[in-house]
Protein backbone atom coordinates (compact mmCIF):
# COMPACT_ATOMS: atom_id res chain seq x y z
CA UNK A 1 27.51 111.25 32.26
CA UNK A 2 23.97 109.39 34.09
CA UNK A 3 24.26 105.59 33.98
CA UNK A 4 26.26 102.52 32.89
CA UNK A 5 25.85 99.15 32.90
CA UNK A 6 27.58 96.70 35.33
CA UNK A 7 29.90 95.02 32.89
CA UNK A 8 33.59 96.11 32.80
CA UNK A 9 34.61 96.83 36.16
CA UNK A 10 37.17 99.41 34.89
CA UNK A 11 33.87 101.70 34.13
CA UNK A 12 35.97 103.28 31.43
CA UNK A 13 38.89 104.37 33.62
CA UNK A 14 42.38 103.67 32.34
CA UNK A 15 44.45 100.57 33.89
CA UNK A 16 47.73 102.81 34.83
CA UNK A 17 45.36 104.63 37.68
CA UNK A 18 45.27 101.41 39.42
CA UNK A 19 49.24 101.26 40.11
CA UNK A 20 50.93 103.61 42.63
CA UNK A 21 53.31 105.91 41.85
CA UNK A 22 56.43 104.38 41.97
CA UNK A 23 58.88 107.38 42.32
CA UNK A 24 58.53 110.44 44.05
CA UNK A 25 56.66 113.27 42.21
CA UNK A 26 56.76 116.62 42.87
CA UNK A 27 56.01 118.55 46.24
CA UNK A 28 52.34 118.26 46.94
CA UNK A 29 51.16 114.91 45.61
CA UNK A 30 49.64 112.44 47.31
CA UNK A 31 49.45 108.65 46.27
CA UNK A 32 47.12 106.74 48.51
CA UNK A 33 45.70 103.07 48.82
CA UNK A 34 42.50 102.90 51.48
CA UNK A 35 40.03 100.60 52.47
CA UNK A 36 36.71 100.87 54.81
CA UNK A 37 35.74 97.23 55.92
CA UNK A 38 32.46 96.17 57.97
CA UNK A 39 32.50 92.47 59.04
CA UNK A 40 28.89 91.01 57.29
CA UNK A 41 27.04 91.02 60.71
CA UNK A 42 28.69 93.99 62.18
CA UNK A 43 30.92 92.09 64.59
CA UNK A 44 34.06 94.41 63.81
CA UNK A 45 35.02 96.70 60.85
CA UNK A 46 38.17 98.48 59.94
CA UNK A 47 39.73 101.55 58.17
CA UNK A 48 42.97 100.78 56.84
CA UNK A 49 45.64 103.07 54.72
CA UNK A 50 48.67 104.00 53.13
CA UNK A 51 49.80 107.56 52.21
CA UNK A 52 52.63 108.15 50.22
CA UNK A 53 53.97 111.98 50.84
CA UNK A 54 56.01 114.09 47.92
CA UNK A 55 57.65 115.18 50.93
CA UNK A 56 57.85 112.39 53.14
CA UNK A 57 58.59 109.82 50.37
CA UNK A 58 61.11 107.43 52.41
CA UNK A 59 58.52 107.06 55.34
CA UNK A 60 55.06 106.70 53.90
CA UNK A 61 52.33 107.08 56.18
CA UNK A 62 50.49 104.60 57.53
CA UNK A 63 46.38 104.35 58.84
CA UNK A 64 44.65 101.83 61.04
CA UNK A 65 41.80 101.17 63.29
CA UNK A 66 40.15 98.38 64.00
CA UNK A 67 36.48 99.05 65.50
CA UNK A 68 34.72 96.00 67.91
CA UNK A 69 30.87 96.63 67.98
CA UNK A 70 31.87 96.19 72.14
CA UNK A 71 33.36 98.89 72.10
CA UNK A 72 37.38 97.84 71.63
CA UNK A 73 39.02 99.85 69.04
CA UNK A 74 42.88 98.96 67.88
CA UNK A 75 44.51 102.27 66.19
CA UNK A 76 47.75 103.39 64.54
CA UNK A 77 49.32 106.30 62.88
CA UNK A 78 52.74 106.43 62.50
CA UNK A 79 54.85 105.65 59.04
CA UNK A 80 57.54 102.48 58.20
CA UNK A 81 60.34 102.10 55.69
CA UNK A 82 58.68 102.30 52.51
CA UNK A 83 58.67 99.15 50.51
CA UNK A 84 59.02 98.48 46.50
CA UNK A 85 55.84 99.35 45.02
CA UNK A 86 56.86 96.98 42.06
CA UNK A 87 55.42 93.33 42.04
CA UNK A 88 56.00 90.27 40.59
CA UNK A 89 55.48 91.75 37.19
CA UNK A 90 57.26 94.59 35.60
CA UNK A 91 54.30 97.37 37.35
CA UNK A 92 54.48 99.38 40.06
CA UNK A 93 51.14 97.27 42.26
CA UNK A 94 52.27 97.55 45.66
CA UNK A 95 52.01 100.73 48.08
CA UNK A 96 53.65 99.60 51.11
CA UNK A 97 55.28 100.72 54.29
CA UNK A 98 56.38 99.05 57.56
CA UNK A 99 54.09 96.17 58.67
CA UNK A 100 51.11 97.71 56.15
CA UNK A 101 51.09 96.07 52.59
CA UNK A 102 48.23 96.84 49.73
CA UNK A 103 48.76 94.84 45.89
CA UNK A 104 46.72 95.53 42.96
CA UNK A 105 46.95 91.38 41.99
CA UNK A 106 44.47 92.37 38.95
CA UNK A 107 43.39 95.76 38.40
CA UNK A 108 39.93 96.75 39.10
CA UNK A 109 38.91 92.97 39.80
CA UNK A 110 41.22 91.87 42.48
CA UNK A 111 43.25 93.53 45.45
CA UNK A 112 44.96 92.43 48.93
CA UNK A 113 45.55 94.10 52.63
CA UNK A 114 47.96 92.74 54.82
CA UNK A 115 49.52 94.09 57.86
CA UNK A 116 51.58 92.11 60.89
CA UNK A 117 52.80 94.72 63.96
CA UNK A 118 52.28 95.64 67.56
CA UNK A 119 48.61 98.03 67.74
CA UNK A 120 47.62 100.17 70.18
CA UNK A 121 44.60 99.33 72.70
CA UNK A 122 41.95 102.23 73.25
CA UNK A 123 37.95 102.44 72.90
CA UNK A 124 35.46 104.30 70.86
CA UNK A 125 34.69 106.06 74.03
CA UNK A 126 38.24 106.96 74.94
CA UNK A 127 39.07 108.54 71.31
CA UNK A 128 35.66 110.47 70.84
CA UNK A 129 36.69 112.13 74.23
CA UNK A 130 40.68 112.22 73.18
CA UNK A 131 41.53 111.61 69.72
CA UNK A 132 45.21 112.08 71.16
CA UNK A 133 44.87 109.03 73.92
CA UNK A 134 48.49 108.31 74.97
CA UNK A 135 49.18 105.29 74.01
CA UNK A 136 49.35 103.25 77.01
CA UNK A 137 48.83 99.15 76.26
CA UNK A 138 49.94 97.02 72.49
CA UNK A 139 48.38 94.45 71.17
CA UNK A 140 49.42 92.27 68.49
CA UNK A 141 47.67 92.60 65.63
CA UNK A 142 47.76 90.70 62.09
CA UNK A 143 45.34 90.13 59.15
CA UNK A 144 45.30 89.08 55.69
CA UNK A 145 42.40 90.08 53.40
CA UNK A 146 42.03 89.19 50.06
CA UNK A 147 39.32 91.27 48.58
CA UNK A 148 37.42 91.09 45.10
CA UNK A 149 35.78 94.31 43.64
CA UNK A 150 32.30 94.19 42.96
CA UNK A 151 30.89 97.20 40.81
CA UNK A 152 32.39 99.51 38.38
CA UNK A 153 34.54 102.53 40.12
CA UNK A 154 32.72 105.94 41.43
CA UNK A 155 34.62 109.17 40.45
CA UNK A 156 33.64 112.20 42.35
CA UNK A 157 31.98 114.71 39.53
CA UNK A 158 30.27 112.23 37.04
CA UNK A 159 27.07 111.44 37.80
CA UNK A 160 25.37 114.72 37.34
CA UNK A 161 26.41 118.12 35.49
CA UNK A 162 25.98 119.92 38.84
CA UNK A 163 28.28 117.68 40.53
CA UNK A 164 30.50 118.19 37.82
CA UNK A 165 30.41 122.16 37.71
CA UNK A 166 31.10 121.93 41.56
CA UNK A 167 34.18 119.45 41.50
CA UNK A 168 35.49 121.85 38.50
CA UNK A 169 35.89 124.94 41.00
CA UNK A 170 37.55 125.15 44.50
CA UNK A 171 35.49 122.46 45.92
CA UNK A 172 37.14 119.72 44.41
CA UNK A 173 40.49 120.46 45.66
CA UNK A 174 39.05 118.92 49.15
CA UNK A 175 39.29 115.66 47.46
CA UNK A 176 41.94 115.67 45.50
CA UNK A 177 41.62 112.93 41.74
CA UNK A 178 40.33 109.65 43.10
CA UNK A 179 37.51 107.09 42.18
CA UNK A 180 35.87 104.38 44.78
CA UNK A 181 35.02 100.71 44.40
CA UNK A 182 32.65 98.67 46.02
CA UNK A 183 34.15 95.10 46.93
CA UNK A 184 33.46 92.02 48.98
CA UNK A 185 35.65 90.37 51.11
CA UNK A 186 37.49 87.04 52.87
CA UNK A 187 40.14 86.85 55.45
CA UNK A 188 41.63 86.50 59.00
CA UNK A 189 42.14 89.16 61.11
CA UNK A 190 44.37 87.79 64.75
CA UNK A 191 44.23 90.18 67.85
CA UNK A 192 46.54 89.23 71.13
CA UNK A 193 46.67 85.57 69.15
CA UNK A 194 42.77 84.78 68.54
CA UNK A 195 42.22 84.39 65.20
CA UNK A 196 38.59 85.31 63.19
CA UNK A 197 38.32 84.53 59.85
CA UNK A 198 35.25 86.59 58.25
CA UNK A 199 33.49 87.68 55.15
CA UNK A 200 32.89 91.41 55.23
CA UNK A 201 31.65 94.52 52.52
CA UNK A 202 33.98 97.36 51.55
CA UNK A 203 34.92 100.47 50.02
CA UNK A 204 38.01 100.95 48.40
CA UNK A 205 39.29 104.09 47.40
CA UNK A 206 42.30 105.49 44.96
CA UNK A 207 43.61 108.74 45.45
CA UNK A 208 46.79 110.49 43.15
CA UNK A 209 47.19 114.49 43.16
CA UNK A 210 47.13 117.76 45.09
CA UNK A 211 44.47 118.07 47.89
CA UNK A 212 44.05 121.45 50.03
CA UNK A 213 41.08 121.93 52.54
CA UNK A 214 41.34 125.77 52.76
CA UNK A 215 37.52 126.68 52.86
CA UNK A 216 36.60 123.56 53.70
CA UNK A 217 32.74 123.62 56.40
CA UNK A 218 32.16 119.66 56.58
CA UNK A 219 30.75 116.28 54.75
CA UNK A 220 28.24 114.08 54.48
CA UNK A 221 30.06 110.54 52.57
CA UNK A 222 28.38 107.05 52.67
CA UNK A 223 28.38 103.96 50.70
CA UNK A 224 27.28 100.15 50.56
CA UNK A 225 27.19 97.28 48.39
CA UNK A 226 23.93 94.76 49.27
CA UNK A 227 24.09 90.92 48.89
CA UNK A 228 21.24 91.29 46.29
CA UNK A 229 24.06 93.61 43.87
CA UNK A 230 22.43 96.86 44.85
CA UNK A 231 24.22 99.21 45.93
CA UNK A 232 24.38 103.09 46.45
CA UNK A 233 27.45 105.37 47.24
CA UNK A 234 27.32 109.71 47.99
CA UNK A 235 29.51 112.27 48.75
CA UNK A 236 28.26 115.88 49.64
CA UNK A 237 29.32 119.42 51.57
CA UNK A 238 26.53 121.40 53.92
CA UNK A 239 24.75 124.70 52.02
CA UNK A 240 27.35 126.84 51.29
CA UNK A 241 27.28 130.69 53.53
CA UNK A 242 27.17 132.49 50.07
CA UNK A 243 24.37 130.92 49.02
CA UNK A 244 25.98 129.37 45.72
CA UNK A 245 25.58 125.84 44.83
CA UNK A 246 27.39 123.38 47.16
CA UNK A 247 28.49 120.39 45.98
CA UNK A 248 26.61 116.97 46.64
CA UNK A 249 26.21 113.61 44.42
CA UNK A 250 25.09 110.23 45.02
CA UNK A 251 24.45 107.32 42.49
CA UNK A 252 22.67 103.58 42.97
CA UNK A 253 22.87 100.25 41.40
CA UNK A 254 19.56 98.81 41.56
CA UNK A 255 17.95 95.05 40.90
CA UNK A 256 18.21 96.10 36.99
CA UNK A 257 22.10 95.96 37.32
CA UNK A 258 22.66 99.79 36.30
CA UNK A 259 24.59 102.20 38.12
CA UNK A 260 22.41 105.18 37.61
CA UNK A 261 23.55 109.09 38.76
CA UNK A 262 21.49 110.49 42.04
CA UNK A 263 20.74 113.71 43.96
CA UNK A 264 20.86 113.64 47.85
CA UNK A 265 17.49 114.85 49.39
CA UNK A 266 17.67 113.65 52.84
CA UNK A 267 20.87 113.20 54.68
CA UNK A 268 22.38 112.06 58.00
CA UNK A 269 24.90 115.43 59.14
CA UNK A 270 26.73 115.23 62.35
CA UNK A 271 25.22 116.87 64.75
CA UNK A 272 26.44 114.86 67.40
CA UNK A 273 29.87 112.25 69.02
CA UNK A 274 28.83 109.21 70.15
CA UNK A 275 30.22 105.20 69.92
CA UNK A 276 27.40 103.73 68.29
CA UNK A 277 23.88 103.03 67.79
CA UNK A 278 22.64 106.28 65.74
CA UNK A 279 20.29 106.45 63.19
CA UNK A 280 21.86 107.76 59.65
CA UNK A 281 18.84 107.20 57.57
CA UNK A 282 19.07 108.65 53.64
CA UNK A 283 16.50 109.78 50.72
CA UNK A 284 17.98 109.56 46.93
CA UNK A 285 16.16 110.78 44.00
CA UNK A 286 17.47 109.52 40.61
CA UNK A 287 18.18 111.45 37.43
CA UNK A 288 14.95 109.24 36.32
CA UNK A 289 13.02 110.51 38.75
CA UNK A 290 12.72 107.51 41.41
CA UNK A 291 12.88 108.41 45.13
CA UNK A 292 14.70 105.74 47.32
CA UNK A 293 14.84 105.68 50.97
CA UNK A 294 17.47 103.66 52.71
CA UNK A 295 17.49 103.13 56.84
CA UNK A 296 20.65 102.90 58.29
CA UNK A 297 22.17 103.19 62.11
CA UNK A 298 25.26 102.48 63.10
CA UNK A 299 27.10 99.78 65.03
CA UNK A 300 30.03 101.85 66.17
CA UNK A 301 31.65 105.23 65.57
CA UNK A 302 35.04 106.25 65.93
CA UNK A 303 36.10 110.84 66.45
CA UNK A 304 38.88 110.07 63.54
CA UNK A 305 42.94 110.52 64.97
CA UNK A 306 44.88 113.39 63.70
CA UNK A 307 43.51 116.95 62.09
CA UNK A 308 41.60 117.77 65.34
CA UNK A 309 45.02 119.61 66.47
CA UNK A 310 44.70 122.71 64.20
CA UNK A 311 47.41 125.29 63.23
CA UNK A 312 47.65 128.56 64.84
CA UNK A 313 46.44 130.16 61.72
CA UNK A 314 43.17 127.82 60.66
CA UNK A 315 39.64 128.70 61.30
CA UNK A 316 38.94 127.74 65.59
CA UNK A 317 35.67 126.50 64.22
CA UNK A 318 37.48 123.29 61.99
CA UNK A 319 35.25 120.71 60.65
CA UNK A 320 35.31 117.76 63.73
CA UNK A 321 35.72 114.69 61.83
CA UNK A 322 33.69 110.69 62.90
CA UNK A 323 34.27 107.87 61.21
CA UNK A 324 31.72 105.18 61.10
CA UNK A 325 30.40 101.90 59.98
CA UNK A 326 26.66 100.98 60.02
CA UNK A 327 23.74 98.50 58.72
CA UNK A 328 21.97 99.83 56.18
CA UNK A 329 18.13 98.49 54.66
CA UNK A 330 17.01 99.00 51.62
CA UNK A 331 13.30 97.10 50.85
CA UNK A 332 14.22 94.75 53.79
CA UNK A 333 17.59 93.59 52.58
CA UNK A 334 20.39 94.58 55.42
CA UNK A 335 24.33 94.72 54.50
CA UNK A 336 27.07 96.89 55.79
CA UNK A 337 28.49 99.42 55.16
CA UNK A 338 30.60 102.68 55.67
CA UNK A 339 29.55 106.60 56.61
CA UNK A 340 32.38 109.49 57.30
CA UNK A 341 30.80 112.94 58.38
CA UNK A 342 32.37 116.01 59.58
CA UNK A 343 30.83 119.03 60.72
CA UNK A 344 31.69 121.92 62.02
CA UNK A 345 31.01 122.41 66.08
CA UNK A 346 29.61 125.02 66.28
CA UNK A 347 26.16 123.56 64.54
CA UNK A 348 27.01 120.48 66.77
CA UNK A 349 25.38 119.23 70.20
CA UNK A 350 29.09 118.73 71.91
């Protein structure tokens, strides 16, 4: 439960979990593939996802954000006609809808992502001020990305005893059953006829199951892979009002190649909304007692589209989400990675 050696990239997870659901599940179940991608020099970053919801099984949801460091943002939400999940073999390896397609080429080793279609052009500042911005200008966008996994997956609730206990309760409903896997990738991104070949880092998330948000108060989620093979990941919820233990969990892959469970000591909770250049340092302590400080600064921040228009019966102080991409520096080695945070408006400087 505490450590594992980076050798088998499945991390002991059954291979069937890599395959997507090919038949409509029971109501309330979601089957999703999501990736966060950060160009190695911080020129741009992407968040790409397909969410297959039981109640809308014929029209899977798609999420796409491509954020450039100069403030440009290309964003698309909606759904598309669901495509067959069966790949070249007999296994359901494809999660696709409309112009967006993920494919599992080799479980826990290689995935691809492709897209070609119109995307709304906006800016990080506009979407920060108005996540429901009017989509006036559309630009043709295409990408073809080949992802090679670089570390064993992390299943939340497996790295520390306290995290396991928290995930076994109501706090586990906020995530749904999932695992996350760091990767390196190469690809081509074409925006308005201009093609960019790139190398990047990323995080892939496979989620299948029920998900509920009642009682959610915020979070801090960060992850990155470094050029020398080191990496880290974490997720944490704010302290609870009732004084009960809150979920917080981390892990690191250090220079010896082992993945070790850790606890967050200092985290950059979301307290303001900016478009980039925000300091996001963190401090972790491994279960073996090693203290690790990682410096961070965002190179693009975008407030999440969706989830900000609250149903009438929801709490008025519902957390605001900001999805970001950052430079991280660990003992002088720099990389790019992801960070997503949310906080109640009442604790933020708006």
